[in-house]
PDBML (XML) file of the C-alpha atoms, coordinates in Angstrom:
<?xml version="1.0" encoding="UTF-8" ?>
<PDBx:datablock datablockName="MODEL"
   xmlns:PDBx="http://pdbml.pdb.org/schema/pdbx-v50.xsd"
   xmlns:xsi="http://www.w3.org/2001/XMLSchema-instance"
   xsi:schemaLocation="http://pdbml.pdb.org/schema/pdbx-v50.xsd pdbx-v50.xsd">
   <PDBx:atom_siteCategory>
      <PDBx:atom_site id="1">
         <PDBx:B_iso_or_equiv>0.00</PDBx:B_iso_or_equiv>
         <PDBx:Cartn_x>2.374</PDBx:Cartn_x>
         <PDBx:Cartn_y>-8.232</PDBx:Cartn_y>
         <PDBx:Cartn_z>2.380</PDBx:Cartn_z>
         <PDBx:auth_asym_id>A</PDBx:auth_asym_id>
         <PDBx:auth_atom_id>CA</PDBx:auth_atom_id>
         <PDBx:auth_comp_id>UNK</PDBx:auth_comp_id>
         <PDBx:auth_seq_id>1</PDBx:auth_seq_id>
         <PDBx:group_PDB>ATOM</PDBx:group_PDB>
         <PDBx:label_alt_id xsi:nil="true" />
         <PDBx:label_asym_id>A</PDBx:label_asym_id>
         <PDBx:label_atom_id>CA</PDBx:label_atom_id>
         <PDBx:label_comp_id>UNK</PDBx:label_comp_id>
         <PDBx:label_entity_id>1</PDBx:label_entity_id>
         <PDBx:label_seq_id>1</PDBx:label_seq_id>
         <PDBx:occupancy>1.00</PDBx:occupancy>
         <PDBx:pdbx_PDB_model_num>1</PDBx:pdbx_PDB_model_num>
         <PDBx:type_symbol>C</PDBx:type_symbol>
      </PDBx:atom_site>
      <PDBx:atom_site id="2">
         <PDBx:B_iso_or_equiv>0.00</PDBx:B_iso_or_equiv>
         <PDBx:Cartn_x>1.108</PDBx:Cartn_x>
         <PDBx:Cartn_y>-5.268</PDBx:Cartn_y>
         <PDBx:Cartn_z>0.353</PDBx:Cartn_z>
         <PDBx:auth_asym_id>A</PDBx:auth_asym_id>
         <PDBx:auth_atom_id>CA</PDBx:auth_atom_id>
         <PDBx:auth_comp_id>UNK</PDBx:auth_comp_id>
         <PDBx:auth_seq_id>2</PDBx:auth_seq_id>
         <PDBx:group_PDB>ATOM</PDBx:group_PDB>
         <PDBx:label_alt_id xsi:nil="true" />
         <PDBx:label_asym_id>A</PDBx:label_asym_id>
         <PDBx:label_atom_id>CA</PDBx:label_atom_id>
         <PDBx:label_comp_id>UNK</PDBx:label_comp_id>
         <PDBx:label_entity_id>1</PDBx:label_entity_id>
         <PDBx:label_seq_id>2</PDBx:label_seq_id>
         <PDBx:occupancy>1.00</PDBx:occupancy>
         <PDBx:pdbx_PDB_model_num>1</PDBx:pdbx_PDB_model_num>
         <PDBx:type_symbol>C</PDBx:type_symbol>
      </PDBx:atom_site>
      <PDBx:atom_site id="3">
         <PDBx:B_iso_or_equiv>0.00</PDBx:B_iso_or_equiv>
         <PDBx:Cartn_x>3.081</PDBx:Cartn_x>
         <PDBx:Cartn_y>-2.860</PDBx:Cartn_y>
         <PDBx:Cartn_z>2.555</PDBx:Cartn_z>
         <PDBx:auth_asym_id>A</PDBx:auth_asym_id>
         <PDBx:auth_atom_id>CA</PDBx:auth_atom_id>
         <PDBx:auth_comp_id>UNK</PDBx:auth_comp_id>
         <PDBx:auth_seq_id>3</PDBx:auth_seq_id>
         <PDBx:group_PDB>ATOM</PDBx:group_PDB>
         <PDBx:label_alt_id xsi:nil="true" />
         <PDBx:label_asym_id>A</PDBx:label_asym_id>
         <PDBx:label_atom_id>CA</PDBx:label_atom_id>
         <PDBx:label_comp_id>UNK</PDBx:label_comp_id>
         <PDBx:label_entity_id>1</PDBx:label_entity_id>
         <PDBx:label_seq_id>3</PDBx:label_seq_id>
         <PDBx:occupancy>1.00</PDBx:occupancy>
         <PDBx:pdbx_PDB_model_num>1</PDBx:pdbx_PDB_model_num>
         <PDBx:type_symbol>C</PDBx:type_symbol>
      </PDBx:atom_site>
      <PDBx:atom_site id="4">
         <PDBx:B_iso_or_equiv>0.00</PDBx:B_iso_or_equiv>
         <PDBx:Cartn_x>6.253</PDBx:Cartn_x>
         <PDBx:Cartn_y>-4.846</PDBx:Cartn_y>
         <PDBx:Cartn_z>1.974</PDBx:Cartn_z>
         <PDBx:auth_asym_id>A</PDBx:auth_asym_id>
         <PDBx:auth_atom_id>CA</PDBx:auth_atom_id>
         <PDBx:auth_comp_id>UNK</PDBx:auth_comp_id>
         <PDBx:auth_seq_id>4</PDBx:auth_seq_id>
         <PDBx:group_PDB>ATOM</PDBx:group_PDB>
         <PDBx:label_alt_id xsi:nil="true" />
         <PDBx:label_asym_id>A</PDBx:label_asym_id>
         <PDBx:label_atom_id>CA</PDBx:label_atom_id>
         <PDBx:label_comp_id>UNK</PDBx:label_comp_id>
         <PDBx:label_entity_id>1</PDBx:label_entity_id>
         <PDBx:label_seq_id>4</PDBx:label_seq_id>
         <PDBx:occupancy>1.00</PDBx:occupancy>
         <PDBx:pdbx_PDB_model_num>1</PDBx:pdbx_PDB_model_num>
         <PDBx:type_symbol>C</PDBx:type_symbol>
      </PDBx:atom_site>
      <PDBx:atom_site id="5">
         <PDBx:B_iso_or_equiv>0.00</PDBx:B_iso_or_equiv>
         <PDBx:Cartn_x>5.772</PDBx:Cartn_x>
         <PDBx:Cartn_y>-4.366</PDBx:Cartn_y>
         <PDBx:Cartn_z>-1.776</PDBx:Cartn_z>
         <PDBx:auth_asym_id>A</PDBx:auth_asym_id>
         <PDBx:auth_atom_id>CA</PDBx:auth_atom_id>
         <PDBx:auth_comp_id>UNK</PDBx:auth_comp_id>
         <PDBx:auth_seq_id>5</PDBx:auth_seq_id>
         <PDBx:group_PDB>ATOM</PDBx:group_PDB>
         <PDBx:label_alt_id xsi:nil="true" />
         <PDBx:label_asym_id>A</PDBx:label_asym_id>
         <PDBx:label_atom_id>CA</PDBx:label_atom_id>
         <PDBx:label_comp_id>UNK</PDBx:label_comp_id>
         <PDBx:label_entity_id>1</PDBx:label_entity_id>
         <PDBx:label_seq_id>5</PDBx:label_seq_id>
         <PDBx:occupancy>1.00</PDBx:occupancy>
         <PDBx:pdbx_PDB_model_num>1</PDBx:pdbx_PDB_model_num>
         <PDBx:type_symbol>C</PDBx:type_symbol>
      </PDBx:atom_site>
      <PDBx:atom_site id="6">
         <PDBx:B_iso_or_equiv>0.00</PDBx:B_iso_or_equiv>
         <PDBx:Cartn_x>4.606</PDBx:Cartn_x>
         <PDBx:Cartn_y>-0.736</PDBx:Cartn_y>
         <PDBx:Cartn_z>-1.566</PDBx:Cartn_z>
         <PDBx:auth_asym_id>A</PDBx:auth_asym_id>
         <PDBx:auth_atom_id>CA</PDBx:auth_atom_id>
         <PDBx:auth_comp_id>UNK</PDBx:auth_comp_id>
         <PDBx:auth_seq_id>6</PDBx:auth_seq_id>
         <PDBx:group_PDB>ATOM</PDBx:group_PDB>
         <PDBx:label_alt_id xsi:nil="true" />
         <PDBx:label_asym_id>A</PDBx:label_asym_id>
         <PDBx:label_atom_id>CA</PDBx:label_atom_id>
         <PDBx:label_comp_id>UNK</PDBx:label_comp_id>
         <PDBx:label_entity_id>1</PDBx:label_entity_id>
         <PDBx:label_seq_id>6</PDBx:label_seq_id>
         <PDBx:occupancy>1.00</PDBx:occupancy>
         <PDBx:pdbx_PDB_model_num>1</PDBx:pdbx_PDB_model_num>
         <PDBx:type_symbol>C</PDBx:type_symbol>
      </PDBx:atom_site>
      <PDBx:atom_site id="7">
         <PDBx:B_iso_or_equiv>0.00</PDBx:B_iso_or_equiv>
         <PDBx:Cartn_x>7.504</PDBx:Cartn_x>
         <PDBx:Cartn_y>0.375</PDBx:Cartn_y>
         <PDBx:Cartn_z>0.659</PDBx:Cartn_z>
         <PDBx:auth_asym_id>A</PDBx:auth_asym_id>
         <PDBx:auth_atom_id>CA</PDBx:auth_atom_id>
         <PDBx:auth_comp_id>UNK</PDBx:auth_comp_id>
         <PDBx:auth_seq_id>7</PDBx:auth_seq_id>
         <PDBx:group_PDB>ATOM</PDBx:group_PDB>
         <PDBx:label_alt_id xsi:nil="true" />
         <PDBx:label_asym_id>A</PDBx:label_asym_id>
         <PDBx:label_atom_id>CA</PDBx:label_atom_id>
         <PDBx:label_comp_id>UNK</PDBx:label_comp_id>
         <PDBx:label_entity_id>1</PDBx:label_entity_id>
         <PDBx:label_seq_id>7</PDBx:label_seq_id>
         <PDBx:occupancy>1.00</PDBx:occupancy>
         <PDBx:pdbx_PDB_model_num>1</PDBx:pdbx_PDB_model_num>
         <PDBx:type_symbol>C</PDBx:type_symbol>
      </PDBx:atom_site>
      <PDBx:atom_site id="8">
         <PDBx:B_iso_or_equiv>0.00</PDBx:B_iso_or_equiv>
         <PDBx:Cartn_x>9.997</PDBx:Cartn_x>
         <PDBx:Cartn_y>-1.488</PDBx:Cartn_y>
         <PDBx:Cartn_z>-1.561</PDBx:Cartn_z>
         <PDBx:auth_asym_id>A</PDBx:auth_asym_id>
         <PDBx:auth_atom_id>CA</PDBx:auth_atom_id>
         <PDBx:auth_comp_id>UNK</PDBx:auth_comp_id>
         <PDBx:auth_seq_id>8</PDBx:auth_seq_id>
         <PDBx:group_PDB>ATOM</PDBx:group_PDB>
         <PDBx:label_alt_id xsi:nil="true" />
         <PDBx:label_asym_id>A</PDBx:label_asym_id>
         <PDBx:label_atom_id>CA</PDBx:label_atom_id>
         <PDBx:label_comp_id>UNK</PDBx:label_comp_id>
         <PDBx:label_entity_id>1</PDBx:label_entity_id>
         <PDBx:label_seq_id>8</PDBx:label_seq_id>
         <PDBx:occupancy>1.00</PDBx:occupancy>
         <PDBx:pdbx_PDB_model_num>1</PDBx:pdbx_PDB_model_num>
         <PDBx:type_symbol>C</PDBx:type_symbol>
      </PDBx:atom_site>
      <PDBx:atom_site id="9">
         <PDBx:B_iso_or_equiv>0.00</PDBx:B_iso_or_equiv>
         <PDBx:Cartn_x>8.774</PDBx:Cartn_x>
         <PDBx:Cartn_y>0.575</PDBx:Cartn_y>
         <PDBx:Cartn_z>-4.543</PDBx:Cartn_z>
         <PDBx:auth_asym_id>A</PDBx:auth_asym_id>
         <PDBx:auth_atom_id>CA</PDBx:auth_atom_id>
         <PDBx:auth_comp_id>UNK</PDBx:auth_comp_id>
         <PDBx:auth_seq_id>9</PDBx:auth_seq_id>
         <PDBx:group_PDB>ATOM</PDBx:group_PDB>
         <PDBx:label_alt_id xsi:nil="true" />
         <PDBx:label_asym_id>A</PDBx:label_asym_id>
         <PDBx:label_atom_id>CA</PDBx:label_atom_id>
         <PDBx:label_comp_id>UNK</PDBx:label_comp_id>
         <PDBx:label_entity_id>1</PDBx:label_entity_id>
         <PDBx:label_seq_id>9</PDBx:label_seq_id>
         <PDBx:occupancy>1.00</PDBx:occupancy>
         <PDBx:pdbx_PDB_model_num>1</PDBx:pdbx_PDB_model_num>
         <PDBx:type_symbol>C</PDBx:type_symbol>
      </PDBx:atom_site>
      <PDBx:atom_site id="10">
         <PDBx:B_iso_or_equiv>0.00</PDBx:B_iso_or_equiv>
         <PDBx:Cartn_x>7.385</PDBx:Cartn_x>
         <PDBx:Cartn_y>3.864</PDBx:Cartn_y>
         <PDBx:Cartn_z>-3.179</PDBx:Cartn_z>
         <PDBx:auth_asym_id>A</PDBx:auth_asym_id>
         <PDBx:auth_atom_id>CA</PDBx:auth_atom_id>
         <PDBx:auth_comp_id>UNK</PDBx:auth_comp_id>
         <PDBx:auth_seq_id>10</PDBx:auth_seq_id>
         <PDBx:group_PDB>ATOM</PDBx:group_PDB>
         <PDBx:label_alt_id xsi:nil="true" />
         <PDBx:label_asym_id>A</PDBx:label_asym_id>
         <PDBx:label_atom_id>CA</PDBx:label_atom_id>
         <PDBx:label_comp_id>UNK</PDBx:label_comp_id>
         <PDBx:label_entity_id>1</PDBx:label_entity_id>
         <PDBx:label_seq_id>10</PDBx:label_seq_id>
         <PDBx:occupancy>1.00</PDBx:occupancy>
         <PDBx:pdbx_PDB_model_num>1</PDBx:pdbx_PDB_model_num>
         <PDBx:type_symbol>C</PDBx:type_symbol>
      </PDBx:atom_site>
      <PDBx:atom_site id="11">
         <PDBx:B_iso_or_equiv>0.00</PDBx:B_iso_or_equiv>
         <PDBx:Cartn_x>7.437</PDBx:Cartn_x>
         <PDBx:Cartn_y>5.485</PDBx:Cartn_y>
         <PDBx:Cartn_z>-6.629</PDBx:Cartn_z>
         <PDBx:auth_asym_id>A</PDBx:auth_asym_id>
         <PDBx:auth_atom_id>CA</PDBx:auth_atom_id>
         <PDBx:auth_comp_id>UNK</PDBx:auth_comp_id>
         <PDBx:auth_seq_id>11</PDBx:auth_seq_id>
         <PDBx:group_PDB>ATOM</PDBx:group_PDB>
         <PDBx:label_alt_id xsi:nil="true" />
         <PDBx:label_asym_id>A</PDBx:label_asym_id>
         <PDBx:label_atom_id>CA</PDBx:label_atom_id>
         <PDBx:label_comp_id>UNK</PDBx:label_comp_id>
         <PDBx:label_entity_id>1</PDBx:label_entity_id>
         <PDBx:label_seq_id>11</PDBx:label_seq_id>
         <PDBx:occupancy>1.00</PDBx:occupancy>
         <PDBx:pdbx_PDB_model_num>1</PDBx:pdbx_PDB_model_num>
         <PDBx:type_symbol>C</PDBx:type_symbol>
      </PDBx:atom_site>
      <PDBx:atom_site id="12">
         <PDBx:B_iso_or_equiv>0.00</PDBx:B_iso_or_equiv>
         <PDBx:Cartn_x>4.683</PDBx:Cartn_x>
         <PDBx:Cartn_y>3.084</PDBx:Cartn_y>
         <PDBx:Cartn_z>-7.744</PDBx:Cartn_z>
         <PDBx:auth_asym_id>A</PDBx:auth_asym_id>
         <PDBx:auth_atom_id>CA</PDBx:auth_atom_id>
         <PDBx:auth_comp_id>UNK</PDBx:auth_comp_id>
         <PDBx:auth_seq_id>12</PDBx:auth_seq_id>
         <PDBx:group_PDB>ATOM</PDBx:group_PDB>
         <PDBx:label_alt_id xsi:nil="true" />
         <PDBx:label_asym_id>A</PDBx:label_asym_id>
         <PDBx:label_atom_id>CA</PDBx:label_atom_id>
         <PDBx:label_comp_id>UNK</PDBx:label_comp_id>
         <PDBx:label_entity_id>1</PDBx:label_entity_id>
         <PDBx:label_seq_id>12</PDBx:label_seq_id>
         <PDBx:occupancy>1.00</PDBx:occupancy>
         <PDBx:pdbx_PDB_model_num>1</PDBx:pdbx_PDB_model_num>
         <PDBx:type_symbol>C</PDBx:type_symbol>
      </PDBx:atom_site>
      <PDBx:atom_site id="13">
         <PDBx:B_iso_or_equiv>0.00</PDBx:B_iso_or_equiv>
         <PDBx:Cartn_x>1.008</PDBx:Cartn_x>
         <PDBx:Cartn_y>3.553</PDBx:Cartn_y>
         <PDBx:Cartn_z>-6.969</PDBx:Cartn_z>
         <PDBx:auth_asym_id>A</PDBx:auth_asym_id>
         <PDBx:auth_atom_id>CA</PDBx:auth_atom_id>
         <PDBx:auth_comp_id>UNK</PDBx:auth_comp_id>
         <PDBx:auth_seq_id>13</PDBx:auth_seq_id>
         <PDBx:group_PDB>ATOM</PDBx:group_PDB>
         <PDBx:label_alt_id xsi:nil="true" />
         <PDBx:label_asym_id>A</PDBx:label_asym_id>
         <PDBx:label_atom_id>CA</PDBx:label_atom_id>
         <PDBx:label_comp_id>UNK</PDBx:label_comp_id>
         <PDBx:label_entity_id>1</PDBx:label_entity_id>
         <PDBx:label_seq_id>13</PDBx:label_seq_id>
         <PDBx:occupancy>1.00</PDBx:occupancy>
         <PDBx:pdbx_PDB_model_num>1</PDBx:pdbx_PDB_model_num>
         <PDBx:type_symbol>C</PDBx:type_symbol>
      </PDBx:atom_site>
      <PDBx:atom_site id="14">
         <PDBx:B_iso_or_equiv>0.00</PDBx:B_iso_or_equiv>
         <PDBx:Cartn_x>0.029</PDBx:Cartn_x>
         <PDBx:Cartn_y>2.302</PDBx:Cartn_y>
         <PDBx:Cartn_z>-3.493</PDBx:Cartn_z>
         <PDBx:auth_asym_id>A</PDBx:auth_asym_id>
         <PDBx:auth_atom_id>CA</PDBx:auth_atom_id>
         <PDBx:auth_comp_id>UNK</PDBx:auth_comp_id>
         <PDBx:auth_seq_id>14</PDBx:auth_seq_id>
         <PDBx:group_PDB>ATOM</PDBx:group_PDB>
         <PDBx:label_alt_id xsi:nil="true" />
         <PDBx:label_asym_id>A</PDBx:label_asym_id>
         <PDBx:label_atom_id>CA</PDBx:label_atom_id>
         <PDBx:label_comp_id>UNK</PDBx:label_comp_id>
         <PDBx:label_entity_id>1</PDBx:label_entity_id>
         <PDBx:label_seq_id>14</PDBx:label_seq_id>
         <PDBx:occupancy>1.00</PDBx:occupancy>
         <PDBx:pdbx_PDB_model_num>1</PDBx:pdbx_PDB_model_num>
         <PDBx:type_symbol>C</PDBx:type_symbol>
      </PDBx:atom_site>
      <PDBx:atom_site id="15">
         <PDBx:B_iso_or_equiv>0.00</PDBx:B_iso_or_equiv>
         <PDBx:Cartn_x>-3.531</PDBx:Cartn_x>
         <PDBx:Cartn_y>1.611</PDBx:Cartn_y>
         <PDBx:Cartn_z>-4.705</PDBx:Cartn_z>
         <PDBx:auth_asym_id>A</PDBx:auth_asym_id>
         <PDBx:auth_atom_id>CA</PDBx:auth_atom_id>
         <PDBx:auth_comp_id>UNK</PDBx:auth_comp_id>
         <PDBx:auth_seq_id>15</PDBx:auth_seq_id>
         <PDBx:group_PDB>ATOM</PDBx:group_PDB>
         <PDBx:label_alt_id xsi:nil="true" />
         <PDBx:label_asym_id>A</PDBx:label_asym_id>
         <PDBx:label_atom_id>CA</PDBx:label_atom_id>
         <PDBx:label_comp_id>UNK</PDBx:label_comp_id>
         <PDBx:label_entity_id>1</PDBx:label_entity_id>
         <PDBx:label_seq_id>15</PDBx:label_seq_id>
         <PDBx:occupancy>1.00</PDBx:occupancy>
         <PDBx:pdbx_PDB_model_num>1</PDBx:pdbx_PDB_model_num>
         <PDBx:type_symbol>C</PDBx:type_symbol>
      </PDBx:atom_site>
      <PDBx:atom_site id="16">
         <PDBx:B_iso_or_equiv>0.00</PDBx:B_iso_or_equiv>
         <PDBx:Cartn_x>-3.415</PDBx:Cartn_x>
         <PDBx:Cartn_y>-2.051</PDBx:Cartn_y>
         <PDBx:Cartn_z>-3.542</PDBx:Cartn_z>
         <PDBx:auth_asym_id>A</PDBx:auth_asym_id>
         <PDBx:auth_atom_id>CA</PDBx:auth_atom_id>
         <PDBx:auth_comp_id>UNK</PDBx:auth_comp_id>
         <PDBx:auth_seq_id>16</PDBx:auth_seq_id>
         <PDBx:group_PDB>ATOM</PDBx:group_PDB>
         <PDBx:label_alt_id xsi:nil="true" />
         <PDBx:label_asym_id>A</PDBx:label_asym_id>
         <PDBx:label_atom_id>CA</PDBx:label_atom_id>
         <PDBx:label_comp_id>UNK</PDBx:label_comp_id>
         <PDBx:label_entity_id>1</PDBx:label_entity_id>
         <PDBx:label_seq_id>16</PDBx:label_seq_id>
         <PDBx:occupancy>1.00</PDBx:occupancy>
         <PDBx:pdbx_PDB_model_num>1</PDBx:pdbx_PDB_model_num>
         <PDBx:type_symbol>C</PDBx:type_symbol>
      </PDBx:atom_site>
      <PDBx:atom_site id="17">
         <PDBx:B_iso_or_equiv>0.00</PDBx:B_iso_or_equiv>
         <PDBx:Cartn_x>-3.503</PDBx:Cartn_x>
         <PDBx:Cartn_y>-0.749</PDBx:Cartn_y>
         <PDBx:Cartn_z>0.049</PDBx:Cartn_z>
         <PDBx:auth_asym_id>A</PDBx:auth_asym_id>
         <PDBx:auth_atom_id>CA</PDBx:auth_atom_id>
         <PDBx:auth_comp_id>UNK</PDBx:auth_comp_id>
         <PDBx:auth_seq_id>17</PDBx:auth_seq_id>
         <PDBx:group_PDB>ATOM</PDBx:group_PDB>
         <PDBx:label_alt_id xsi:nil="true" />
         <PDBx:label_asym_id>A</PDBx:label_asym_id>
         <PDBx:label_atom_id>CA</PDBx:label_atom_id>
         <PDBx:label_comp_id>UNK</PDBx:label_comp_id>
         <PDBx:label_entity_id>1</PDBx:label_entity_id>
         <PDBx:label_seq_id>17</PDBx:label_seq_id>
         <PDBx:occupancy>1.00</PDBx:occupancy>
         <PDBx:pdbx_PDB_model_num>1</PDBx:pdbx_PDB_model_num>
         <PDBx:type_symbol>C</PDBx:type_symbol>
      </PDBx:atom_site>
      <PDBx:atom_site id="18">
         <PDBx:B_iso_or_equiv>0.00</PDBx:B_iso_or_equiv>
         <PDBx:Cartn_x>-7.185</PDBx:Cartn_x>
         <PDBx:Cartn_y>0.157</PDBx:Cartn_y>
         <PDBx:Cartn_z>-0.481</PDBx:Cartn_z>
         <PDBx:auth_asym_id>A</PDBx:auth_asym_id>
         <PDBx:auth_atom_id>CA</PDBx:auth_atom_id>
         <PDBx:auth_comp_id>UNK</PDBx:auth_comp_id>
         <PDBx:auth_seq_id>18</PDBx:auth_seq_id>
         <PDBx:group_PDB>ATOM</PDBx:group_PDB>
         <PDBx:label_alt_id xsi:nil="true" />
         <PDBx:label_asym_id>A</PDBx:label_asym_id>
         <PDBx:label_atom_id>CA</PDBx:label_atom_id>
         <PDBx:label_comp_id>UNK</PDBx:label_comp_id>
         <PDBx:label_entity_id>1</PDBx:label_entity_id>
         <PDBx:label_seq_id>18</PDBx:label_seq_id>
         <PDBx:occupancy>1.00</PDBx:occupancy>
         <PDBx:pdbx_PDB_model_num>1</PDBx:pdbx_PDB_model_num>
         <PDBx:type_symbol>C</PDBx:type_symbol>
      </PDBx:atom_site>
      <PDBx:atom_site id="19">
         <PDBx:B_iso_or_equiv>0.00</PDBx:B_iso_or_equiv>
         <PDBx:Cartn_x>-8.163</PDBx:Cartn_x>
         <PDBx:Cartn_y>-3.532</PDBx:Cartn_y>
         <PDBx:Cartn_z>-0.448</PDBx:Cartn_z>
         <PDBx:auth_asym_id>A</PDBx:auth_asym_id>
         <PDBx:auth_atom_id>CA</PDBx:auth_atom_id>
         <PDBx:auth_comp_id>UNK</PDBx:auth_comp_id>
         <PDBx:auth_seq_id>19</PDBx:auth_seq_id>
         <PDBx:group_PDB>ATOM</PDBx:group_PDB>
         <PDBx:label_alt_id xsi:nil="true" />
         <PDBx:label_asym_id>A</PDBx:label_asym_id>
         <PDBx:label_atom_id>CA</PDBx:label_atom_id>
         <PDBx:label_comp_id>UNK</PDBx:label_comp_id>
         <PDBx:label_entity_id>1</PDBx:label_entity_id>
         <PDBx:label_seq_id>19</PDBx:label_seq_id>
         <PDBx:occupancy>1.00</PDBx:occupancy>
         <PDBx:pdbx_PDB_model_num>1</PDBx:pdbx_PDB_model_num>
         <PDBx:type_symbol>C</PDBx:type_symbol>
      </PDBx:atom_site>
      <PDBx:atom_site id="20">
         <PDBx:B_iso_or_equiv>0.00</PDBx:B_iso_or_equiv>
         <PDBx:Cartn_x>-7.024</PDBx:Cartn_x>
         <PDBx:Cartn_y>-3.939</PDBx:Cartn_y>
         <PDBx:Cartn_z>3.165</PDBx:Cartn_z>
         <PDBx:auth_asym_id>A</PDBx:auth_asym_id>
         <PDBx:auth_atom_id>CA</PDBx:auth_atom_id>
         <PDBx:auth_comp_id>UNK</PDBx:auth_comp_id>
         <PDBx:auth_seq_id>20</PDBx:auth_seq_id>
         <PDBx:group_PDB>ATOM</PDBx:group_PDB>
         <PDBx:label_alt_id xsi:nil="true" />
         <PDBx:label_asym_id>A</PDBx:label_asym_id>
         <PDBx:label_atom_id>CA</PDBx:label_atom_id>
         <PDBx:label_comp_id>UNK</PDBx:label_comp_id>
         <PDBx:label_entity_id>1</PDBx:label_entity_id>
         <PDBx:label_seq_id>20</PDBx:label_seq_id>
         <PDBx:occupancy>1.00</PDBx:occupancy>
         <PDBx:pdbx_PDB_model_num>1</PDBx:pdbx_PDB_model_num>
         <PDBx:type_symbol>C</PDBx:type_symbol>
      </PDBx:atom_site>
      <PDBx:atom_site id="21">
         <PDBx:B_iso_or_equiv>0.00</PDBx:B_iso_or_equiv>
         <PDBx:Cartn_x>-6.766</PDBx:Cartn_x>
         <PDBx:Cartn_y>-0.518</PDBx:Cartn_y>
         <PDBx:Cartn_z>4.868</PDBx:Cartn_z>
         <PDBx:auth_asym_id>A</PDBx:auth_asym_id>
         <PDBx:auth_atom_id>CA</PDBx:auth_atom_id>
         <PDBx:auth_comp_id>UNK</PDBx:auth_comp_id>
         <PDBx:auth_seq_id>21</PDBx:auth_seq_id>
         <PDBx:group_PDB>ATOM</PDBx:group_PDB>
         <PDBx:label_alt_id xsi:nil="true" />
         <PDBx:label_asym_id>A</PDBx:label_asym_id>
         <PDBx:label_atom_id>CA</PDBx:label_atom_id>
         <PDBx:label_comp_id>UNK</PDBx:label_comp_id>
         <PDBx:label_entity_id>1</PDBx:label_entity_id>
         <PDBx:label_seq_id>21</PDBx:label_seq_id>
         <PDBx:occupancy>1.00</PDBx:occupancy>
         <PDBx:pdbx_PDB_model_num>1</PDBx:pdbx_PDB_model_num>
         <PDBx:type_symbol>C</PDBx:type_symbol>
      </PDBx:atom_site>
      <PDBx:atom_site id="22">
         <PDBx:B_iso_or_equiv>0.00</PDBx:B_iso_or_equiv>
         <PDBx:Cartn_x>-9.461</PDBx:Cartn_x>
         <PDBx:Cartn_y>2.058</PDBx:Cartn_y>
         <PDBx:Cartn_z>5.582</PDBx:Cartn_z>
         <PDBx:auth_asym_id>A</PDBx:auth_asym_id>
         <PDBx:auth_atom_id>CA</PDBx:auth_atom_id>
         <PDBx:auth_comp_id>UNK</PDBx:auth_comp_id>
         <PDBx:auth_seq_id>22</PDBx:auth_seq_id>
         <PDBx:group_PDB>ATOM</PDBx:group_PDB>
         <PDBx:label_alt_id xsi:nil="true" />
         <PDBx:label_asym_id>A</PDBx:label_asym_id>
         <PDBx:label_atom_id>CA</PDBx:label_atom_id>
         <PDBx:label_comp_id>UNK</PDBx:label_comp_id>
         <PDBx:label_entity_id>1</PDBx:label_entity_id>
         <PDBx:label_seq_id>22</PDBx:label_seq_id>
         <PDBx:occupancy>1.00</PDBx:occupancy>
         <PDBx:pdbx_PDB_model_num>1</PDBx:pdbx_PDB_model_num>
         <PDBx:type_symbol>C</PDBx:type_symbol>
      </PDBx:atom_site>
      <PDBx:atom_site id="23">
         <PDBx:B_iso_or_equiv>0.00</PDBx:B_iso_or_equiv>
         <PDBx:Cartn_x>-9.655</PDBx:Cartn_x>
         <PDBx:Cartn_y>5.474</PDBx:Cartn_y>
         <PDBx:Cartn_z>7.185</PDBx:Cartn_z>
         <PDBx:auth_asym_id>A</PDBx:auth_asym_id>
         <PDBx:auth_atom_id>CA</PDBx:auth_atom_id>
         <PDBx:auth_comp_id>UNK</PDBx:auth_comp_id>
         <PDBx:auth_seq_id>23</PDBx:auth_seq_id>
         <PDBx:group_PDB>ATOM</PDBx:group_PDB>
         <PDBx:label_alt_id xsi:nil="true" />
         <PDBx:label_asym_id>A</PDBx:label_asym_id>
         <PDBx:label_atom_id>CA</PDBx:label_atom_id>
         <PDBx:label_comp_id>UNK</PDBx:label_comp_id>
         <PDBx:label_entity_id>1</PDBx:label_entity_id>
         <PDBx:label_seq_id>23</PDBx:label_seq_id>
         <PDBx:occupancy>1.00</PDBx:occupancy>
         <PDBx:pdbx_PDB_model_num>1</PDBx:pdbx_PDB_model_num>
         <PDBx:type_symbol>C</PDBx:type_symbol>
      </PDBx:atom_site>
      <PDBx:atom_site id="24">
         <PDBx:B_iso_or_equiv>0.00</PDBx:B_iso_or_equiv>
         <PDBx:Cartn_x>-6.723</PDBx:Cartn_x>
         <PDBx:Cartn_y>6.539</PDBx:Cartn_y>
         <PDBx:Cartn_z>9.344</PDBx:Cartn_z>
         <PDBx:auth_asym_id>A</PDBx:auth_asym_id>
         <PDBx:auth_atom_id>CA</PDBx:auth_atom_id>
         <PDBx:auth_comp_id>UNK</PDBx:auth_comp_id>
         <PDBx:auth_seq_id>24</PDBx:auth_seq_id>
         <PDBx:group_PDB>ATOM</PDBx:group_PDB>
         <PDBx:label_alt_id xsi:nil="true" />
         <PDBx:label_asym_id>A</PDBx:label_asym_id>
         <PDBx:label_atom_id>CA</PDBx:label_atom_id>
         <PDBx:label_comp_id>UNK</PDBx:label_comp_id>
         <PDBx:label_entity_id>1</PDBx:label_entity_id>
         <PDBx:label_seq_id>24</PDBx:label_seq_id>
         <PDBx:occupancy>1.00</PDBx:occupancy>
         <PDBx:pdbx_PDB_model_num>1</PDBx:pdbx_PDB_model_num>
         <PDBx:type_symbol>C</PDBx:type_symbol>
      </PDBx:atom_site>
      <PDBx:atom_site id="25">
         <PDBx:B_iso_or_equiv>0.00</PDBx:B_iso_or_equiv>
         <PDBx:Cartn_x>-4.585</PDBx:Cartn_x>
         <PDBx:Cartn_y>3.510</PDBx:Cartn_y>
         <PDBx:Cartn_z>8.521</PDBx:Cartn_z>
         <PDBx:auth_asym_id>A</PDBx:auth_asym_id>
         <PDBx:auth_atom_id>CA</PDBx:auth_atom_id>
         <PDBx:auth_comp_id>UNK</PDBx:auth_comp_id>
         <PDBx:auth_seq_id>25</PDBx:auth_seq_id>
         <PDBx:group_PDB>ATOM</PDBx:group_PDB>
         <PDBx:label_alt_id xsi:nil="true" />
         <PDBx:label_asym_id>A</PDBx:label_asym_id>
         <PDBx:label_atom_id>CA</PDBx:label_atom_id>
         <PDBx:label_comp_id>UNK</PDBx:label_comp_id>
         <PDBx:label_entity_id>1</PDBx:label_entity_id>
         <PDBx:label_seq_id>25</PDBx:label_seq_id>
         <PDBx:occupancy>1.00</PDBx:occupancy>
         <PDBx:pdbx_PDB_model_num>1</PDBx:pdbx_PDB_model_num>
         <PDBx:type_symbol>C</PDBx:type_symbol>
      </PDBx:atom_site>
   </PDBx:atom_siteCategory>
</PDBx:datablock>
């Protein structure tokens, strides 16, 4: 769900990814 939002607006900060992804991902 976060990726759907992040890739729809790549100029915004992708910081929300940090809640669910770690390391290589």
